[in-house]
C-alpha atoms as a PDB file:
ATOM      1  CA  ARG A   1     170.867 -55.676 155.906  1.00  0.00           C
ATOM      2  CA  GLN A   2     168.034 -57.972 156.946  1.00  0.00           C
ATOM      3  CA  ILE A   3     164.464 -57.942 155.721  1.00  0.00           C
ATOM      4  CA  GLU A   4     161.696 -58.563 158.227  1.00  0.00           C
ATOM      5  CA  LEU A   5     158.500 -59.858 156.652  1.00  0.00           C
ATOM      6  CA  ARG A   6     154.971 -58.973 157.656  1.00  0.00           C
ATOM      7  CA  PHE A   7     151.885 -60.285 155.857  1.00  0.00           C
ATOM      8  CA  VAL A   8     148.377 -59.095 155.078  1.00  0.00           C
ATOM      9  CA  ALA A   9     145.764 -61.288 153.411  1.00  0.00           C
ATOM     10  CA  THR A  10     143.389 -60.334 150.610  1.00  0.00           C
ATOM     11  CA  GLN A  11     139.705 -60.291 151.531  1.00  0.00           C
ATOM     12  CA  ASP A  12     136.436 -61.304 149.886  1.00  0.00           C
ATOM     13  CA  SER A  13     135.963 -58.036 148.006  1.00  0.00           C
ATOM     14  CA  PRO A  14     138.221 -55.301 146.567  1.00  0.00           C
ATOM     15  CA  GLU A  15     136.803 -52.830 149.097  1.00  0.00           C
ATOM     16  CA  ALA A  16     137.563 -55.131 152.020  1.00  0.00           C
ATOM     17  CA  THR A  17     141.064 -55.797 150.680  1.00  0.00           C
ATOM     18  CA  ALA A  18     141.818 -52.074 150.388  1.00  0.00           C
ATOM     19  CA  LYS A  19     140.528 -51.493 153.933  1.00  0.00           C
ATOM     20  CA  SER A  20     142.639 -54.362 155.283  1.00  0.00           C
ATOM     21  CA  VAL A  21     145.800 -53.098 153.568  1.00  0.00           C
ATOM     22  CA  ARG A  22     145.209 -49.538 154.813  1.00  0.00           C
ATOM     23  CA  GLU A  23     144.935 -50.842 158.378  1.00  0.00           C
ATOM     24  CA  PHE A  24     148.049 -52.975 157.850  1.00  0.00           C
ATOM     25  CA  LEU A  25     150.070 -49.942 156.703  1.00  0.00           C
ATOM     26  CA  ALA A  26     148.982 -47.930 159.739  1.00  0.00           C
ATOM     27  CA  ARG A  27     149.800 -50.773 162.103  1.00  0.00           C
ATOM     28  CA  GLU A  28     153.065 -52.120 160.681  1.00  0.00           C
ATOM     29  CA  GLN A  29     154.566 -49.059 158.926  1.00  0.00           C
ATOM     30  CA  PRO A  30     156.404 -51.189 156.301  1.00  0.00           C
ATOM     31  CA  PHE A  31     159.189 -49.808 154.129  1.00  0.00           C
ATOM     32  CA  ALA A  32     157.686 -51.353 150.969  1.00  0.00           C
ATOM     33  CA  LEU A  33     155.063 -53.809 149.803  1.00  0.00           C
ATOM     34  CA  CYS A  34     156.099 -56.815 147.747  1.00  0.00           C
ATOM     35  CA  ALA A  35     154.400 -59.563 145.717  1.00  0.00           C
ATOM     36  CA  GLY A  36     150.945 -58.178 146.373  1.00  0.00           C
ATOM     37  CA  PHE A  37     148.105 -60.152 144.781  1.00  0.00           C
ATOM     38  CA  LEU A  38     145.822 -57.203 144.188  1.00  0.00           C
ATOM     39  CA  SER A  39     142.674 -59.309 143.879  1.00  0.00           C
ATOM     40  CA  GLY A  40     140.663 -56.817 141.809  1.00  0.00           C
ATOM     41  CA  ALA A  41     141.564 -53.943 144.121  1.00  0.00           C
ATOM     42  CA  ASP A  42     144.164 -52.520 141.726  1.00  0.00           C
ATOM     43  CA  GLU A  43     142.767 -49.015 141.476  1.00  0.00           C
ATOM     44  CA  ALA A  44     142.200 -48.633 145.216  1.00  0.00           C
ATOM     45  CA  LEU A  45     145.584 -50.077 146.201  1.00  0.00           C
ATOM     46  CA  SER A  46     147.397 -48.019 143.577  1.00  0.00           C
ATOM     47  CA  ALA A  47     145.808 -44.893 145.002  1.00  0.00           C
ATOM     48  CA  LEU A  48     146.737 -46.019 148.523  1.00  0.00           C
ATOM     49  CA  ALA A  49     150.375 -46.595 147.540  1.00  0.00           C
ATOM     50  CA  ALA A  50     150.527 -43.089 146.071  1.00  0.00           C
ATOM     51  CA  GLU A  51     148.800 -41.552 149.100  1.00  0.00           C
ATOM     52  CA  LYS A  52     151.207 -43.206 151.553  1.00  0.00           C
ATOM     53  CA  GLU A  53     154.181 -42.900 149.168  1.00  0.00           C
ATOM     54  CA  ILE A  54     155.050 -46.548 149.687  1.00  0.00           C
ATOM     55  CA  PRO A  55     156.463 -48.616 146.786  1.00  0.00           C
ATOM     56  CA  LEU A  56     154.478 -51.676 145.714  1.00  0.00           C
ATOM     57  CA  VAL A  57     157.053 -53.980 144.116  1.00  0.00           C
ATOM     58  CA  GLY A  58     156.204 -56.890 141.853  1.00  0.00           C
ATOM     59  CA  ALA A  59     152.447 -56.468 142.110  1.00  0.00           C
ATOM     60  CA  ILE A  60     150.473 -59.346 140.589  1.00  0.00           C
ATOM     61  CA  SER A  61     147.036 -58.908 139.057  1.00  0.00           C
ATOM     62  CA  ASN A  62     144.741 -60.058 136.257  1.00  0.00           C
ATOM     63  CA  GLN A  63     143.720 -56.438 135.711  1.00  0.00           C
ATOM     64  CA  THR A  64     146.705 -54.116 135.874  1.00  0.00           C
ATOM     65  CA  PHE A  65     145.628 -50.558 136.630  1.00  0.00           C
ATOM     66  CA  GLN A  66     147.521 -48.117 134.415  1.00  0.00           C
ATOM     67  CA  GLN A  67     147.163 -44.364 134.339  1.00  0.00           C
ATOM     68  CA  THR A  68     148.769 -41.330 132.682  1.00  0.00           C
ATOM     69  CA  PRO A  69     151.183 -40.277 134.003  1.00  0.00           C
ATOM     70  CA  PRO A  70     152.085 -43.638 135.586  1.00  0.00           C
ATOM     71  CA  ASN A  71     151.729 -44.154 139.314  1.00  0.00           C
ATOM     72  CA  ARG A  72     155.407 -44.033 140.234  1.00  0.00           C
ATOM     73  CA  PHE A  73     154.914 -46.160 143.354  1.00  0.00           C
ATOM     74  CA  VAL A  74     153.459 -49.268 141.665  1.00  0.00           C
ATOM     75  CA  PHE A  75     155.587 -51.820 139.779  1.00  0.00           C
ATOM     76  CA  TYR A  76     153.725 -54.789 138.266  1.00  0.00           C
ATOM     77  CA  LEU A  77     155.580 -58.022 137.575  1.00  0.00           C
ATOM     78  CA  LEU A  78     153.459 -59.275 134.649  1.00  0.00           C
ATOM     79  CA  GLY A  79     150.780 -57.930 132.348  1.00  0.00           C
ATOM     80  CA  GLY A  80     147.084 -58.588 132.880  1.00  0.00           C
ATOM     81  CA  LEU A  81     143.903 -58.563 130.825  1.00  0.00           C
ATOM     82  CA  ASN A  82     144.693 -55.388 128.896  1.00  0.00           C
ATOM     83  CA  GLU A  83     148.223 -56.446 127.969  1.00  0.00           C
ATOM     84  CA  GLN A  84     147.082 -59.917 126.938  1.00  0.00           C
ATOM     85  CA  ALA A  85     144.411 -58.354 124.718  1.00  0.00           C
ATOM     86  CA  ARG A  86     146.993 -56.086 123.081  1.00  0.00           C
ATOM     87  CA  ALA A  87     149.344 -59.008 122.451  1.00  0.00           C
ATOM     88  CA  LEU A  88     146.520 -60.952 120.796  1.00  0.00           C
ATOM     89  CA  ALA A  89     145.847 -58.018 118.484  1.00  0.00           C
ATOM     90  CA  VAL A  90     149.526 -57.770 117.521  1.00  0.00           C
ATOM     91  CA  PHE A  91     149.668 -61.523 116.943  1.00  0.00           C
ATOM     92  CA  ALA A  92     146.508 -61.556 114.832  1.00  0.00           C
ATOM     93  CA  ALA A  93     147.716 -58.624 112.744  1.00  0.00           C
ATOM     94  CA  ARG A  94     150.914 -60.532 111.990  1.00  0.00           C
ATOM     95  CA  GLN A  95     149.429 -63.959 111.425  1.00  0.00           C
ATOM     96  CA  PHE A  96     146.031 -63.378 109.869  1.00  0.00           C
ATOM     97  CA  ALA A  97     145.998 -59.945 108.224  1.00  0.00           C
ATOM     98  CA  ASP A  98     146.331 -61.405 104.717  1.00  0.00           C
ATOM     99  CA  LYS A  99     143.966 -64.298 105.433  1.00  0.00           C
ATOM    100  CA  VAL A 100     141.071 -62.583 107.178  1.00  0.00           C
ATOM    101  CA  SER A 101     139.039 -59.725 105.727  1.00  0.00           C
ATOM    102  CA  ARG A 102     136.386 -59.490 108.457  1.00  0.00           C
ATOM    103  CA  ALA A 103     137.038 -59.382 112.185  1.00  0.00           C
ATOM    104  CA  ALA A 104     135.125 -58.482 115.322  1.00  0.00           C
ATOM    105  CA  ILE A 105     135.551 -57.894 119.046  1.00  0.00           C
ATOM    106  CA  LEU A 106     132.923 -59.432 121.308  1.00  0.00           C
ATOM    107  CA  HIS A 107     133.270 -58.157 124.861  1.00  0.00           C
ATOM    108  CA  PHE A 108     131.449 -57.878 128.156  1.00  0.00           C
ATOM    109  CA  ASP A 109     130.212 -54.364 128.875  1.00  0.00           C
ATOM    110  CA  ASP A 110     132.082 -53.963 132.181  1.00  0.00           C
ATOM    111  CA  LYS A 111     134.831 -51.369 132.557  1.00  0.00           C
ATOM    112  CA  ALA A 112     137.832 -53.728 132.322  1.00  0.00           C
ATOM    113  CA  SER A 113     136.545 -55.678 129.304  1.00  0.00           C
ATOM    114  CA  THR A 114     135.613 -52.486 127.470  1.00  0.00           C
ATOM    115  CA  ALA A 115     139.098 -51.051 128.066  1.00  0.00           C
ATOM    116  CA  ALA A 116     140.655 -54.277 126.736  1.00  0.00           C
ATOM    117  CA  ALA A 117     138.475 -54.083 123.623  1.00  0.00           C
ATOM    118  CA  GLU A 118     139.591 -50.504 123.045  1.00  0.00           C
ATOM    119  CA  SER A 119     143.224 -51.614 123.341  1.00  0.00           C
ATOM    120  CA  ILE A 120     142.662 -54.263 120.672  1.00  0.00           C
ATOM    121  CA  THR A 121     141.157 -51.644 118.376  1.00  0.00           C
ATOM    122  CA  ALA A 122     144.132 -49.322 118.919  1.00  0.00           C
ATOM    123  CA  GLU A 123     146.663 -52.059 118.084  1.00  0.00           C
ATOM    124  CA  TRP A 124     144.624 -53.076 115.024  1.00  0.00           C
ATOM    125  CA  GLN A 125     144.594 -49.501 113.765  1.00  0.00           C
ATOM    126  CA  LYS A 126     148.307 -49.132 114.511  1.00  0.00           C
ATOM    127  CA  ALA A 127     148.904 -52.068 112.153  1.00  0.00           C
ATOM    128  CA  GLY A 128     146.982 -50.203 109.444  1.00  0.00           C
ATOM    129  CA  LEU A 129     144.203 -52.768 109.215  1.00  0.00           C
ATOM    130  CA  PRO A 130     140.495 -52.135 108.502  1.00  0.00           C
ATOM    131  CA  GLY A 131     138.256 -51.379 111.444  1.00  0.00           C
ATOM    132  CA  LEU A 132     136.927 -54.081 113.726  1.00  0.00           C
ATOM    133  CA  GLU A 133     133.260 -54.499 114.450  1.00  0.00           C
ATOM    134  CA  LYS A 134     132.877 -54.081 118.210  1.00  0.00           C
ATOM    135  CA  ILE A 135     129.944 -55.674 120.033  1.00  0.00           C
ATOM    136  CA  ALA A 136     129.300 -55.239 123.745  1.00  0.00           C
ATOM    137  CA  ILE A 137     127.315 -57.899 125.596  1.00  0.00           C
ATOM    138  CA  THR A 138     125.961 -58.163 129.132  1.00  0.00           C
ATOM    139  CA  ALA A 139     127.150 -61.216 131.029  1.00  0.00           C
ATOM    140  CA  GLN A 140     123.793 -61.957 132.651  1.00  0.00           C
ATOM    141  CA  ARG A 141     121.873 -61.642 129.372  1.00  0.00           C
ATOM    142  CA  PHE A 142     124.311 -63.232 126.932  1.00  0.00           C
ATOM    143  CA  ASP A 143     122.468 -65.101 124.164  1.00  0.00           C
ATOM    144  CA  ALA A 144     125.145 -67.153 122.403  1.00  0.00           C
ATOM    145  CA  THR A 145     122.873 -68.374 119.612  1.00  0.00           C
ATOM    146  CA  ALA A 146     121.632 -64.893 118.726  1.00  0.00           C
ATOM    147  CA  THR A 147     125.193 -63.564 118.840  1.00  0.00           C
ATOM    148  CA  VAL A 148     126.459 -66.247 116.471  1.00  0.00           C
ATOM    149  CA  ARG A 149     123.636 -65.544 114.031  1.00  0.00           C
ATOM    150  CA  LYS A 150     124.570 -61.889 114.124  1.00  0.00           C
ATOM    151  CA  LEU A 151     128.274 -62.485 113.557  1.00  0.00           C
ATOM    152  CA  LYS A 152     128.203 -65.512 111.259  1.00  0.00           C
ATOM    153  CA  GLU A 153     128.216 -63.548 108.018  1.00  0.00           C
ATOM    154  CA  ARG A 154     130.235 -60.645 109.394  1.00  0.00           C
ATOM    155  CA  ALA A 155     133.422 -62.084 110.922  1.00  0.00           C
ATOM    156  CA  GLU A 156     135.991 -64.790 110.302  1.00  0.00           C
ATOM    157  CA  LEU A 157     138.093 -63.847 113.310  1.00  0.00           C
ATOM    158  CA  VAL A 158     136.757 -62.948 116.755  1.00  0.00           C
ATOM    159  CA  PHE A 159     138.461 -61.473 119.795  1.00  0.00           C
ATOM    160  CA  PHE A 160     136.434 -62.543 122.817  1.00  0.00           C
ATOM    161  CA  ILE A 161     136.755 -60.681 126.120  1.00  0.00           C
ATOM    162  CA  GLY A 162     134.395 -62.158 128.679  1.00  0.00           C
ATOM    163  CA  SER A 163     134.282 -65.282 130.807  1.00  0.00           C
ATOM    164  CA  ASN A 164     135.202 -68.913 130.315  1.00  0.00           C
ATOM    165  CA  ALA A 165     131.546 -69.946 130.606  1.00  0.00           C
ATOM    166  CA  ALA A 166     130.393 -67.438 127.984  1.00  0.00           C
ATOM    167  CA  GLN A 167     133.250 -68.445 125.700  1.00  0.00           C
ATOM    168  CA  ASN A 168     132.167 -72.089 125.892  1.00  0.00           C
ATOM    169  CA  GLU A 169     128.560 -71.101 125.154  1.00  0.00           C
ATOM    170  CA  LEU A 170     129.720 -69.124 122.123  1.00  0.00           C
ATOM    171  CA  LEU A 171     131.742 -72.039 120.712  1.00  0.00           C
ATOM    172  CA  ALA A 172     128.912 -74.523 121.282  1.00  0.00           C
ATOM    173  CA  ALA A 173     126.464 -72.236 119.467  1.00  0.00           C
ATOM    174  CA  ALA A 174     128.968 -71.719 116.637  1.00  0.00           C
ATOM    175  CA  GLU A 175     129.247 -75.491 116.261  1.00  0.00           C
ATOM    176  CA  ARG A 176     125.463 -75.882 116.066  1.00  0.00           C
ATOM    177  CA  LEU A 177     125.167 -73.153 113.446  1.00  0.00           C
ATOM    178  CA  ASN A 178     128.160 -74.350 111.412  1.00  0.00           C
ATOM    179  CA  TRP A 179     130.347 -71.274 112.003  1.00  0.00           C
ATOM    180  CA  ARG A 180     134.100 -71.815 112.424  1.00  0.00           C
ATOM    181  CA  PRO A 181     135.828 -68.497 113.187  1.00  0.00           C
ATOM    182  CA  THR A 182     139.312 -68.136 114.588  1.00  0.00           C
ATOM    183  CA  LEU A 183     138.897 -67.196 118.253  1.00  0.00           C
ATOM    184  CA  LEU A 184     141.414 -65.204 120.297  1.00  0.00           C
ATOM    185  CA  ALA A 185     141.024 -64.689 124.050  1.00  0.00           C
ATOM    186  CA  PRO A 186     143.114 -63.705 127.096  1.00  0.00           C
ATOM    187  CA  SER A 187     144.113 -66.549 129.400  1.00  0.00           C
ATOM    188  CA  VAL A 188     142.679 -64.753 132.441  1.00  0.00           C
ATOM    189  CA  GLN A 189     139.255 -65.993 131.311  1.00  0.00           C
ATOM    190  CA  ALA A 190     140.382 -69.520 130.397  1.00  0.00           C
ATOM    191  CA  GLY A 191     139.778 -72.662 132.417  1.00  0.00           C
ATOM    192  CA  ARG A 192     140.302 -76.397 131.995  1.00  0.00           C
ATOM    193  CA  GLU A 193     136.947 -76.484 130.200  1.00  0.00           C
ATOM    194  CA  MET A 194     138.611 -74.888 127.172  1.00  0.00           C
ATOM    195  CA  PHE A 195     139.809 -78.365 126.180  1.00  0.00           C
ATOM    196  CA  ASP A 196     136.164 -79.417 125.854  1.00  0.00           C
ATOM    197  CA  ALA A 197     135.571 -77.041 122.938  1.00  0.00           C
ATOM    198  CA  PRO A 198     134.040 -78.600 119.786  1.00  0.00           C
ATOM    199  CA  ALA A 199     136.583 -80.598 117.781  1.00  0.00           C
ATOM    200  CA  ALA A 200     136.077 -78.340 114.763  1.00  0.00           C
ATOM    201  CA  PHE A 201     137.936 -75.604 116.667  1.00  0.00           C
ATOM    202  CA  ASP A 202     141.140 -77.629 116.998  1.00  0.00           C
ATOM    203  CA  ARG A 203     144.049 -75.141 116.643  1.00  0.00           C
ATOM    204  CA  LYS A 204     141.583 -72.343 115.871  1.00  0.00           C
ATOM    205  CA  ILE A 205     141.543 -71.034 119.457  1.00  0.00           C
ATOM    206  CA  PHE A 206     144.420 -68.810 120.566  1.00  0.00           C
ATOM    207  CA  LEU A 207     145.101 -67.641 124.115  1.00  0.00           C
ATOM    208  CA  ALA A 208     147.568 -65.078 125.486  1.00  0.00           C
ATOM    209  CA  TYR A 209     149.637 -65.932 128.586  1.00  0.00           C
ATOM    210  CA  PRO A 210     151.954 -63.564 130.517  1.00  0.00           C
ATOM    211  CA  THR A 211     154.399 -66.385 131.246  1.00  0.00           C
ATOM    212  CA  LEU A 212     154.955 -70.008 130.221  1.00  0.00           C
ATOM    213  CA  PRO A 213     156.885 -72.960 131.707  1.00  0.00           C
ATOM    214  CA  ALA A 214     159.625 -72.268 129.145  1.00  0.00           C
ATOM    215  CA  ASP A 215     160.523 -69.153 131.180  1.00  0.00           C
ATOM    216  CA  LEU A 216     161.723 -71.332 134.061  1.00  0.00           C
ATOM    217  CA  GLN A 217     165.516 -71.428 134.035  1.00  0.00           C
ATOM    218  CA  ALA A 218     167.598 -74.029 135.856  1.00  0.00           C
ATOM    219  CA  SER A 219     168.861 -71.494 138.399  1.00  0.00           C
ATOM    220  CA  GLY A 220     165.371 -70.235 139.173  1.00  0.00           C
ATOM    221  CA  VAL A 221     163.937 -73.731 139.521  1.00  0.00           C
ATOM    222  CA  ALA A 222     166.788 -74.789 141.817  1.00  0.00           C
ATOM    223  CA  GLU A 223     166.239 -71.709 144.003  1.00  0.00           C
ATOM    224  CA  TYR A 224     162.519 -72.407 144.194  1.00  0.00           C
ATOM    225  CA  ARG A 225     163.066 -76.067 145.102  1.00  0.00           C
ATOM    226  CA  ARG A 226     165.400 -75.134 147.939  1.00  0.00           C
ATOM    227  CA  LEU A 227     162.813 -72.722 149.268  1.00  0.00           C
ATOM    228  CA  ALA A 228     159.928 -75.168 148.799  1.00  0.00           C
ATOM    229  CA  GLU A 229     161.788 -77.902 150.659  1.00  0.00           C
ATOM    230  CA  ALA A 230     162.919 -75.662 153.511  1.00  0.00           C
ATOM    231  CA  ALA A 231     159.492 -74.097 153.994  1.00  0.00           C
ATOM    232  CA  LYS A 232     157.500 -77.227 153.155  1.00  0.00           C
ATOM    233  CA  LEU A 233     155.434 -75.315 150.622  1.00  0.00           C
ATOM    234  CA  PRO A 234     152.169 -76.919 149.440  1.00  0.00           C
ATOM    235  CA  ASN A 235     152.060 -78.385 145.940  1.00  0.00           C
ATOM    236  CA  ASN A 236     148.694 -76.964 144.945  1.00  0.00           C
ATOM    237  CA  SER A 237     149.673 -73.313 144.474  1.00  0.00           C
ATOM    238  CA  ARG A 238     152.941 -73.474 142.581  1.00  0.00           C
ATOM    239  CA  PRO A 239     152.192 -70.725 139.981  1.00  0.00           C
ATOM    240  CA  ALA A 240     151.404 -68.252 142.770  1.00  0.00           C
ATOM    241  CA  GLN A 241     154.546 -69.268 144.647  1.00  0.00           C
ATOM    242  CA  LEU A 242     156.724 -68.784 141.563  1.00  0.00           C
ATOM    243  CA  THR A 243     155.391 -65.306 140.843  1.00  0.00           C
ATOM    244  CA  ALA A 244     155.727 -64.316 144.505  1.00  0.00           C
ATOM    245  CA  LEU A 245     159.342 -65.499 144.503  1.00  0.00           C
ATOM    246  CA  ALA A 246     160.027 -63.583 141.280  1.00  0.00           C
ATOM    247  CA  SER A 247     158.623 -60.412 142.864  1.00  0.00           C
ATOM    248  CA  ALA A 248     160.772 -60.941 145.954  1.00  0.00           C
ATOM    249  CA  LYS A 249     163.824 -61.246 143.703  1.00  0.00           C
ATOM    250  CA  LEU A 250     162.986 -57.849 142.177  1.00  0.00           C
ATOM    251  CA  LEU A 251     162.928 -56.235 145.608  1.00  0.00           C
ATOM    252  CA  THR A 252     166.120 -57.863 146.883  1.00  0.00           C
ATOM    253  CA  GLU A 253     168.004 -57.024 143.687  1.00  0.00           C
ATOM    254  CA  ALA A 254     166.856 -53.391 143.851  1.00  0.00           C
ATOM    255  CA  LEU A 255     168.004 -53.182 147.491  1.00  0.00           C
ATOM    256  CA  ARG A 256     171.346 -54.761 146.621  1.00  0.00           C
ATOM    257  CA  ARG A 257     171.965 -52.174 143.908  1.00  0.00           C
ATOM    258  CA  ILE A 258     171.192 -49.259 146.239  1.00  0.00           C
ATOM    259  CA  GLY A 259     173.746 -50.160 148.875  1.00  0.00           C
ATOM    260  CA  ARG A 260     173.868 -48.691 152.374  1.00  0.00           C
ATOM    261  CA  ASP A 261     172.096 -45.368 151.901  1.00  0.00           C
ATOM    262  CA  LEU A 262     168.526 -46.579 151.547  1.00  0.00           C
ATOM    263  CA  ASN A 263     165.205 -44.765 151.286  1.00  0.00           C
ATOM    264  CA  ARG A 264     161.994 -45.226 149.327  1.00  0.00           C
ATOM    265  CA  GLU A 265     162.914 -42.702 146.654  1.00  0.00           C
ATOM    266  CA  LYS A 266     166.147 -44.568 145.956  1.00  0.00           C
ATOM    267  CA  LEU A 267     164.211 -47.833 145.780  1.00  0.00           C
ATOM    268  CA  ILE A 268     161.963 -46.369 143.086  1.00  0.00           C
ATOM    269  CA  GLU A 269     164.977 -45.022 141.170  1.00  0.00           C
ATOM    270  CA  SER A 270     166.724 -48.387 141.430  1.00  0.00           C
ATOM    271  CA  LEU A 271     163.716 -50.249 140.036  1.00  0.00           C
ATOM    272  CA  GLU A 272     163.371 -47.747 137.191  1.00  0.00           C
ATOM    273  CA  ARG A 273     166.855 -48.747 136.035  1.00  0.00           C
ATOM    274  CA  PHE A 274     165.985 -52.445 135.672  1.00  0.00           C
ATOM    275  CA  TYR A 275     166.556 -53.620 132.101  1.00  0.00           C
ATOM    276  CA  GLN A 276     166.041 -57.209 130.974  1.00  0.00           C
ATOM    277  CA  PHE A 277     166.541 -58.436 134.518  1.00  0.00           C
ATOM    278  CA  LYS A 278     166.247 -62.216 134.622  1.00  0.00           C
ATOM    279  CA  THR A 279     164.296 -63.603 137.556  1.00  0.00           C
ATOM    280  CA  GLY A 280     164.824 -67.163 136.310  1.00  0.00           C
ATOM    281  CA  LEU A 281     161.080 -67.705 136.719  1.00  0.00           C
ATOM    282  CA  THR A 282     159.397 -65.237 134.340  1.00  0.00           C
ATOM    283  CA  PRO A 283     160.138 -63.323 131.136  1.00  0.00           C
ATOM    284  CA  ALA A 284     162.889 -60.735 131.556  1.00  0.00           C
ATOM    285  CA  VAL A 285     161.807 -57.642 133.494  1.00  0.00           C
ATOM    286  CA  SER A 286     162.368 -53.994 132.555  1.00  0.00           C
ATOM    287  CA  PHE A 287     161.089 -50.813 134.193  1.00  0.00           C
ATOM    288  CA  SER A 288     161.493 -47.109 133.485  1.00  0.00           C
ATOM    289  CA  ALA A 289     159.947 -43.806 134.484  1.00  0.00           C
ATOM    290  CA  ASN A 290     157.159 -44.489 131.980  1.00  0.00           C
ATOM    291  CA  ARG A 291     156.981 -48.273 132.205  1.00  0.00           C
ATOM    292  CA  ARG A 292     155.423 -49.909 135.230  1.00  0.00           C
ATOM    293  CA  ILE A 293     154.859 -53.471 133.951  1.00  0.00           C
ATOM    294  CA  GLY A 294     158.071 -55.476 134.125  1.00  0.00           C
ATOM    295  CA  ALA A 295     157.326 -58.193 131.553  1.00  0.00           C
ATOM    296  CA  LEU A 296     155.279 -56.036 129.197  1.00  0.00           C
ATOM    297  CA  GLY A 297     153.875 -58.486 126.694  1.00  0.00           C
ATOM    298  CA  ALA A 298     152.583 -62.021 126.381  1.00  0.00           C
ATOM    299  CA  TYR A 299     152.954 -65.353 124.656  1.00  0.00           C
ATOM    300  CA  VAL A 300     150.251 -66.690 122.366  1.00  0.00           C
ATOM    301  CA  VAL A 301     149.403 -70.395 122.346  1.00  0.00           C
ATOM    302  CA  SER A 302     147.003 -72.467 120.273  1.00  0.00           C
ATOM    303  CA  ILE A 303     144.809 -75.174 121.779  1.00  0.00           C
ATOM    304  CA  ASP A 304     145.385 -78.713 120.522  1.00  0.00           C
ATOM    305  CA  LEU A 305     141.997 -80.237 121.331  1.00  0.00           C
ATOM    306  CA  LYS A 306     143.069 -83.744 120.348  1.00  0.00           C
ATOM    307  CA  ALA A 307     146.129 -83.912 122.587  1.00  0.00           C
ATOM    308  CA  LYS A 308     144.627 -81.596 125.228  1.00  0.00           C
ATOM    309  CA  THR A 309     147.743 -79.421 125.196  1.00  0.00           C
ATOM    310  CA  LEU A 310     148.762 -75.833 124.552  1.00  0.00           C
ATOM    311  CA  THR A 311     151.219 -75.130 121.727  1.00  0.00           C
ATOM    312  CA  PRO A 312     153.191 -71.848 121.770  1.00  0.00           C
ATOM    313  CA  VAL A 313     153.105 -69.946 118.475  1.00  0.00           C
ATOM    314  CA  GLY A 314     155.027 -66.879 117.464  1.00  0.00           C
ATOM    315  CA  GLY A 315     157.233 -66.443 120.535  1.00  0.00           C
ATOM    316  CA  TRP A 316     157.178 -63.612 123.077  1.00  0.00           C
ATOM    317  CA  ILE A 317     155.300 -60.510 121.921  1.00  0.00           C
ATOM    318  CA  GLU A 318     156.864 -57.402 123.422  1.00  0.00           C
ATOM    319  CA  LEU A 319     154.556 -54.397 123.666  1.00  0.00           C
ATOM    320  CA  GLU A 320     155.554 -50.767 123.383  1.00  0.00           C
END
């Protein structure tokens, strides 16, 4: 069997991306979609996959769109904002429960950030810990100094769900007002500027990542290098290339397991039987009828502000 590839590019907005993909499906009539960077259009593209009954394999997004019951046509490779937030809550419950008596969630008031904050609360309650103070803020009207004054006497540990810029403002204000909480945030909002945080926060900032360089196995790296050399891939987008290759490996392995008698329903059933499948490039991947995120969990790292490095702590956190 041979696979013929066709491509469709993401657009400047989720609405434009969904429109472009819909037109692509009508024009090309593909058997399946693979390695789709959903670009904020998760909900629309998930609905489109269900409408057209076309599997979306190894989808990649910062904001995975999950629903109950799960959309049986969409298979994410890695977790996004919500899963990273949950992993941070599990990590904090394990590491700081006996050291911290007051904690809070500070989050933007948009839909995705609010959902992530609710997930943190659920994991915190599942661990049997006291309730978290939850504070919603508006990105355009965020007053870091006022927020720090409000939280200074009320929290020693803060989950922050927002933007990299707002996070930096919060830390700078905390430094000015002599407040040194432990800060936990998803990596989707992190940038290189995180290493410019005040020195007092050295190893007090923790980020969740869906994958780390330690996931790269020799076989996966060798396969990627062969591909990169043959296709003369650019050097400036390696993370995206690695996740796209991992998604492609999911599809080809599922097709291999099916054999000759192939249809979309059998592709879905094949993927649902994946258990701890090693892509060589990511954490092991598992799917089921009720699980649509392959690597369901995250790593937590601390920021070494002196060495400007990230240090893994606690290992892989698998979510239920």
